Amino acid sequence: MHETKRLKIEHAAIGVLTLIIIILIAYFALLARRNSFIVQEINDGQEFIHELLLTNEVLKAETQNLLWEMEELQAEMAGLQAEEPIDPMHYRVIQQILAVAPERLQQVFDEEVELNPPEDFIMLPNNHIMVSGQWFCTYNEMPITLYAIFGYWLWQDEIRLDLLSYSPFWIGYWRSPWESPNNHSWVRYHAMETVPVRFYWMGGDGDEFGYNVEYLDGETFPEQLAYYALKHLNRRIVDAWFVGTILYVNLHHSEPMRMSSGTFGEWAMYTTLVSSLSSVPSIDALVIMVDGHRESTFGGHGMPFQDIYLIP
């Protein structure tokens, strides 16, 4: 009987242990499953954070690109704002020149005149403009290139034109240096990088004659020519440009009066000015204008600048 009771107790103990083991197995299985879920959630969270970081980097790059584009746009807008407004008067003058100048020049040459494109026109100071074109001279039976300077002004909201000077100055006569090798286009720079120019001086009694050499920058030739002409010759140059191998120099309108100093003084100023400008290398001819006018008279004795100076 005691044996039977012991067996019952053992079976009961084994059952309790088995139940405890089953409970522990189930508990650890649940715990492992829960840990698996936690690990998965952690992995998903890390992946989400990684995607957020990548998205943030992409947004930062796109933001930087937008900032660069905004800076470029602001720079373009600043450049546009810095540009000087275009004078509508310029276009009105060009249109009036195209409409009136051919007929006006035809009256002079008694032949049909064809103007060059407006890009070849030169706007001069004090409401002057130089135009170029061609006409067929029946006397020589050949096409001739012409230049003309018009003055313009506004009268009752209408552009008026006045023909001031032109070349050739009479029918059938022509100076070969006027023929430009580059289709009569004009430039404000010299072909040489460094341009040696002699600025002449003359003694008070005329027995001394010499020069100072200055080396001008070819790209800024007109500005430097004006600077050294004022420095060495006391002459005021408004602008200078080239048409082919011809040098045009436009003096200030006050120069004729400033050069009035007696016969010898005027001759000395004339000689030193022409000699200095003629020393510019690589030119075949020189044209000196005053306020856009050719063959201007200067000095108190009425001495004129020639129409064109041929450079030997």
Protein backbone atom coordinates (compact mmCIF):
# COMPACT_ATOMS: atom_id res chain seq x y z
CA MET A 1 0.00 0.00 0.00
CA HIS A 2 2.87 2.24 0.79
CA GLU A 3 4.36 1.34 -2.59
CA THR A 4 1.17 2.35 -4.36
CA LYS A 5 1.04 5.66 -2.54
CA ARG A 6 4.67 6.38 -3.39
CA LEU A 7 4.01 5.66 -7.06
CA LYS A 8 1.06 8.03 -7.02
CA ILE A 9 3.17 10.72 -5.47
CA GLU A 10 5.91 10.19 -8.06
CA HIS A 11 3.41 10.33 -10.92
CA ALA A 12 1.93 13.49 -9.48
CA ALA A 13 5.40 15.03 -9.16
CA ILE A 14 6.28 14.00 -12.69
CA GLY A 15 3.04 15.52 -13.96
CA VAL A 16 3.71 18.76 -12.12
CA LEU A 17 7.25 18.89 -13.47
CA THR A 18 6.03 18.12 -16.96
CA LEU A 19 3.43 20.86 -16.70
CA ILE A 20 6.07 23.26 -15.42
CA ILE A 21 8.37 22.31 -18.28
CA ILE A 22 5.55 22.77 -20.80
CA ILE A 23 4.72 26.13 -19.27
CA LEU A 24 8.37 27.17 -19.38
CA ILE A 25 8.71 26.00 -22.99
CA ALA A 26 5.58 27.94 -23.94
CA TYR A 27 6.81 30.99 -22.02
CA PHE A 28 10.22 30.93 -23.67
CA ALA A 29 8.58 30.33 -27.06
CA LEU A 30 6.37 33.37 -26.53
CA LEU A 31 9.36 35.34 -25.26
CA ALA A 32 11.41 34.34 -28.31
CA ARG A 33 8.51 35.26 -30.60
CA ARG A 34 8.16 38.62 -28.85
CA ASN A 35 11.91 39.24 -29.13
CA SER A 36 11.70 38.34 -32.82
CA PHE A 37 8.96 40.96 -33.28
CA ILE A 38 11.03 43.52 -31.37
CA VAL A 39 14.11 42.79 -33.48
CA GLN A 40 12.03 43.07 -36.65
CA GLU A 41 10.57 46.36 -35.48
CA ILE A 42 14.06 47.61 -34.65
CA ASN A 43 15.30 46.58 -38.09
CA ASP A 44 12.28 48.22 -39.72
CA GLY A 45 12.92 51.36 -37.67
CA GLN A 46 16.57 51.45 -38.66
CA GLU A 47 15.64 50.99 -42.32
CA PHE A 48 13.07 53.79 -42.02
CA ILE A 49 15.65 56.06 -40.40
CA HIS A 50 18.12 55.21 -43.19
CA GLU A 51 15.51 56.10 -45.81
CA LEU A 52 14.82 59.35 -43.96
CA LEU A 53 18.53 60.18 -43.98
CA LEU A 54 18.77 59.46 -47.72
CA THR A 55 15.70 61.59 -48.37
CA ASN A 56 17.21 64.37 -46.28
CA GLU A 57 20.44 64.27 -48.30
CA VAL A 58 18.48 64.41 -51.57
CA LEU A 59 16.45 67.36 -50.28
CA LYS A 60 19.65 69.13 -49.18
CA ALA A 61 21.19 68.62 -52.64
CA GLU A 62 18.02 69.87 -54.37
CA THR A 63 17.87 72.85 -52.01
CA GLN A 64 21.50 73.71 -52.79
CA ASN A 65 20.77 73.50 -56.53
CA LEU A 66 17.79 75.80 -56.06
CA LEU A 67 19.97 78.27 -54.15
CA TRP A 68 22.55 78.24 -56.94
CA GLU A 69 19.85 78.78 -59.56
CA MET A 70 18.41 81.63 -57.49
CA GLU A 71 21.87 83.23 -57.23
CA GLU A 72 22.38 82.94 -61.00
CA LEU A 73 18.92 84.41 -61.60
CA GLN A 74 19.63 87.27 -59.20
CA ALA A 75 22.95 87.92 -60.95
CA GLU A 76 21.22 87.98 -64.35
CA MET A 77 18.54 90.32 -63.03
CA ALA A 78 21.21 92.57 -61.52
CA GLY A 79 23.03 92.60 -64.85
CA LEU A 80 19.86 93.50 -66.70
CA GLN A 81 19.13 96.26 -64.22
CA ALA A 82 22.70 97.57 -64.56
CA GLU A 83 22.42 97.87 -68.34
CA GLU A 84 21.82 101.36 -69.54
CA PRO A 85 18.40 101.89 -71.09
CA ILE A 86 18.46 102.06 -74.87
CA ASP A 87 17.75 105.53 -76.18
CA PRO A 88 14.68 105.37 -78.46
CA MET A 89 16.00 108.51 -80.17
CA HIS A 90 18.73 106.36 -81.73
CA TYR A 91 16.21 104.14 -83.53
CA ARG A 92 14.18 107.11 -84.71
CA VAL A 93 17.29 108.70 -86.19
CA ILE A 94 18.24 105.45 -87.96
CA GLN A 95 14.74 105.08 -89.42
CA GLN A 96 14.76 108.69 -90.62
CA ILE A 97 18.23 108.25 -92.16
CA LEU A 98 17.08 105.15 -94.07
CA ALA A 99 14.00 107.01 -95.31
CA VAL A 100 15.53 110.40 -96.20
CA ALA A 101 19.30 110.04 -96.74
CA PRO A 102 19.24 108.13 -100.08
CA GLU A 103 17.06 110.78 -101.73
CA ARG A 104 19.12 113.63 -100.24
CA LEU A 105 22.38 112.09 -101.47
CA GLN A 106 20.87 111.32 -104.87
CA GLN A 107 20.29 115.06 -105.30
CA VAL A 108 24.01 115.61 -104.69
CA PHE A 109 25.41 112.88 -106.94
CA ASP A 110 22.60 112.86 -109.51
CA GLU A 111 22.70 109.08 -109.29
CA GLU A 112 20.84 106.48 -107.25
CA VAL A 113 22.51 105.90 -103.88
CA GLU A 114 22.39 102.67 -101.85
CA LEU A 115 23.15 102.93 -98.15
CA ASN A 116 25.05 100.32 -96.17
CA PRO A 117 23.29 98.51 -93.28
CA PRO A 118 22.69 100.61 -90.15
CA GLU A 119 25.35 98.54 -88.34
CA ASP A 120 27.97 100.47 -90.37
CA PHE A 121 26.66 103.89 -89.29
CA ILE A 122 28.70 105.82 -86.71
CA MET A 123 26.95 107.92 -84.06
CA LEU A 124 29.06 111.04 -83.52
CA PRO A 125 28.87 113.56 -80.67
CA ASN A 126 26.54 116.54 -80.69
CA ASN A 127 23.73 114.90 -82.70
CA HIS A 128 25.81 113.94 -85.72
CA ILE A 129 25.82 110.62 -87.56
CA MET A 130 28.12 109.34 -90.32
CA VAL A 131 26.60 107.00 -92.91
CA SER A 132 28.19 105.09 -95.76
CA GLY A 133 26.96 103.66 -99.01
CA GLN A 134 27.60 103.19 -102.73
CA TRP A 135 26.59 104.91 -105.95
CA PHE A 136 27.38 104.09 -109.57
CA CYS A 137 29.35 106.90 -111.17
CA THR A 138 28.44 107.09 -114.86
CA TYR A 139 31.48 109.31 -115.51
CA ASN A 140 33.92 106.57 -114.49
CA GLU A 141 31.48 103.72 -115.15
CA MET A 142 32.26 102.17 -111.80
CA PRO A 143 30.69 101.90 -108.33
CA ILE A 144 31.98 104.45 -105.83
CA THR A 145 31.89 104.30 -102.05
CA LEU A 146 30.62 107.42 -100.30
CA TYR A 147 30.52 108.75 -96.76
CA ALA A 148 28.23 111.46 -95.45
CA ILE A 149 27.73 113.19 -92.11
CA PHE A 150 24.21 114.31 -91.17
CA GLY A 151 23.16 116.50 -88.29
CA TYR A 152 19.81 115.67 -86.65
CA TRP A 153 17.47 117.36 -84.21
CA LEU A 154 13.94 116.99 -82.86
CA TRP A 155 11.34 119.47 -84.11
CA GLN A 156 7.70 119.12 -82.99
CA ASP A 157 8.27 115.41 -82.27
CA GLU A 158 9.74 114.89 -85.75
CA ILE A 159 13.36 114.01 -86.59
CA ARG A 160 14.92 116.58 -88.94
CA LEU A 161 18.12 115.90 -90.91
CA ASP A 162 20.72 118.23 -92.41
CA LEU A 163 23.49 117.00 -94.75
CA LEU A 164 26.70 118.56 -93.39
CA SER A 165 29.45 117.00 -95.49
CA TYR A 166 30.09 114.11 -97.83
CA SER A 167 32.79 112.42 -99.89
CA PRO A 168 33.66 112.28 -102.75
CA PHE A 169 33.16 116.02 -102.93
CA TRP A 170 32.52 116.27 -106.64
CA ILE A 171 31.43 113.94 -109.43
CA GLY A 172 34.02 111.73 -111.08
CA TYR A 173 36.88 112.32 -108.62
CA TRP A 174 38.03 109.74 -106.11
CA ARG A 175 40.90 109.19 -103.69
CA SER A 176 42.05 105.57 -103.64
CA PRO A 177 42.89 105.42 -99.87
CA TRP A 178 39.18 105.67 -99.13
CA GLU A 179 38.66 102.17 -100.51
CA SER A 180 38.46 100.02 -97.40
CA PRO A 181 39.63 96.36 -97.52
CA ASN A 182 37.04 95.28 -94.94
CA ASN A 183 33.79 96.47 -96.50
CA HIS A 184 34.03 99.91 -94.90
CA SER A 185 33.37 98.61 -91.40
CA TRP A 186 34.70 100.81 -88.59
CA VAL A 187 36.54 99.81 -85.44
CA ARG A 188 37.78 101.68 -82.38
CA TYR A 189 40.85 99.53 -81.79
CA HIS A 190 44.22 99.26 -83.49
CA ALA A 191 45.32 95.97 -85.02
CA MET A 192 48.66 96.19 -83.18
CA GLU A 193 48.79 95.19 -79.53
CA THR A 194 51.18 98.07 -78.75
CA VAL A 195 51.00 101.16 -80.96
CA PRO A 196 54.05 103.50 -80.98
CA VAL A 197 52.99 107.08 -81.71
CA ARG A 198 55.22 110.15 -82.03
CA PHE A 199 53.87 113.30 -80.38
CA TYR A 200 55.75 116.20 -81.96
CA TRP A 201 56.75 119.51 -80.38
CA MET A 202 58.15 122.71 -81.84
CA GLY A 203 60.33 125.42 -80.32
CA GLY A 204 59.07 128.96 -79.86
CA ASP A 205 61.03 130.27 -82.83
CA GLY A 206 60.43 127.25 -85.03
CA ASP A 207 64.06 126.20 -85.28
CA GLU A 208 63.64 123.24 -82.93
CA PHE A 209 61.46 120.28 -83.83
CA GLY A 210 61.25 116.94 -82.04
CA TYR A 211 58.91 114.34 -80.64
CA ASN A 212 58.12 112.11 -77.66
CA VAL A 213 57.23 108.47 -78.32
CA GLU A 214 54.32 106.94 -76.38
CA TYR A 215 53.28 103.29 -76.63
CA LEU A 216 49.48 103.07 -76.75
CA ASP A 217 47.37 100.01 -75.99
CA GLY A 218 45.73 98.80 -79.21
CA GLU A 219 42.47 97.78 -77.50
CA THR A 220 41.94 101.20 -75.90
CA PHE A 221 43.56 103.23 -78.69
CA PRO A 222 41.01 106.14 -78.86
CA GLU A 223 41.09 106.76 -75.11
CA GLN A 224 44.88 106.70 -74.91
CA LEU A 225 45.27 108.82 -78.06
CA ALA A 226 43.01 111.45 -76.49
CA TYR A 227 44.98 111.30 -73.21
CA TYR A 228 48.42 111.76 -74.78
CA ALA A 229 47.22 114.35 -77.31
CA LEU A 230 46.02 116.47 -74.40
CA LYS A 231 49.24 115.81 -72.47
CA HIS A 232 51.75 116.54 -75.26
CA LEU A 233 49.83 118.71 -77.77
CA ASN A 234 47.19 120.36 -75.55
CA ARG A 235 44.59 119.27 -78.12
CA ARG A 236 41.22 117.80 -77.05
CA ILE A 237 40.19 114.69 -79.01
CA VAL A 238 36.59 113.52 -78.57
CA ASP A 239 36.93 110.19 -80.39
CA ALA A 240 38.98 108.30 -82.97
CA TRP A 241 38.24 105.27 -85.13
CA PHE A 242 39.43 103.39 -88.20
CA VAL A 243 37.68 102.70 -91.49
CA GLY A 244 39.96 100.23 -93.19
CA THR A 245 43.39 101.90 -93.20
CA ILE A 246 42.00 105.42 -92.67
CA LEU A 247 42.25 107.05 -89.24
CA TYR A 248 39.41 109.42 -88.31
CA VAL A 249 40.01 111.87 -85.47
CA ASN A 250 37.17 114.04 -84.17
CA LEU A 251 38.30 117.14 -82.24
CA HIS A 252 36.29 118.97 -79.61
CA HIS A 253 34.15 121.83 -80.96
CA SER A 254 36.17 124.35 -78.91
CA GLU A 255 39.48 123.50 -80.64
CA PRO A 256 39.22 126.05 -83.52
CA MET A 257 39.03 128.92 -81.01
CA ARG A 258 41.74 127.42 -78.76
CA MET A 259 44.10 127.15 -81.74
CA SER A 260 43.78 130.87 -82.51
CA SER A 261 47.13 132.31 -81.47
CA GLY A 262 48.64 134.17 -84.42
CA THR A 263 50.03 132.93 -87.72
CA PHE A 264 53.09 131.12 -86.34
CA GLY A 265 51.26 129.68 -83.34
CA GLU A 266 48.45 128.29 -85.48
CA TRP A 267 50.93 126.84 -87.95
CA ALA A 268 52.91 125.23 -85.12
CA MET A 269 49.76 123.66 -83.59
CA TYR A 270 48.59 122.48 -87.00
CA THR A 271 51.97 120.97 -87.90
CA THR A 272 52.52 119.16 -84.62
CA LEU A 273 48.94 117.81 -84.58
CA VAL A 274 48.98 116.50 -88.17
CA SER A 275 52.52 115.12 -87.83
CA SER A 276 51.64 113.34 -84.58
CA LEU A 277 48.43 111.75 -85.92
CA SER A 278 50.16 110.81 -89.19
CA SER A 279 52.75 108.85 -87.20
CA VAL A 280 50.17 106.25 -86.19
CA PRO A 281 51.43 103.04 -87.87
CA SER A 282 49.53 101.02 -90.48
CA ILE A 283 47.39 103.86 -91.84
CA ASP A 284 47.23 105.17 -95.42
CA ALA A 285 45.22 108.32 -94.78
CA LEU A 286 44.13 110.68 -92.00
CA VAL A 287 40.87 112.61 -91.65
CA ILE A 288 40.63 115.35 -89.01
CA MET A 289 37.16 116.59 -88.13
CA VAL A 290 35.91 119.17 -85.68
CA ASP A 291 32.61 118.32 -84.01
CA GLY A 292 31.90 115.87 -86.84
CA HIS A 293 32.54 118.41 -89.62
CA ARG A 294 35.11 117.77 -92.33
CA GLU A 295 37.43 120.48 -93.74
CA SER A 296 36.85 122.61 -90.66
CA THR A 297 38.47 126.03 -90.32
CA PHE A 298 40.54 126.72 -87.22
CA GLY A 299 42.45 129.65 -85.77
CA GLY A 300 41.96 133.36 -86.22
CA HIS A 301 43.48 133.31 -89.72
CA GLY A 302 40.98 130.83 -91.17
CA MET A 303 43.38 127.94 -91.70
CA PRO A 304 41.45 124.79 -92.77
CA PHE A 305 42.10 121.12 -92.14
CA GLN A 306 42.42 119.27 -95.42
CA ASP A 307 39.72 116.86 -96.53
CA ILE A 308 42.11 113.94 -96.32
CA TYR A 309 45.83 113.60 -95.57
CA LEU A 310 47.58 110.91 -97.61
CA ILE A 311 50.30 109.17 -95.57
CA PRO A 312 53.38 108.42 -97.70
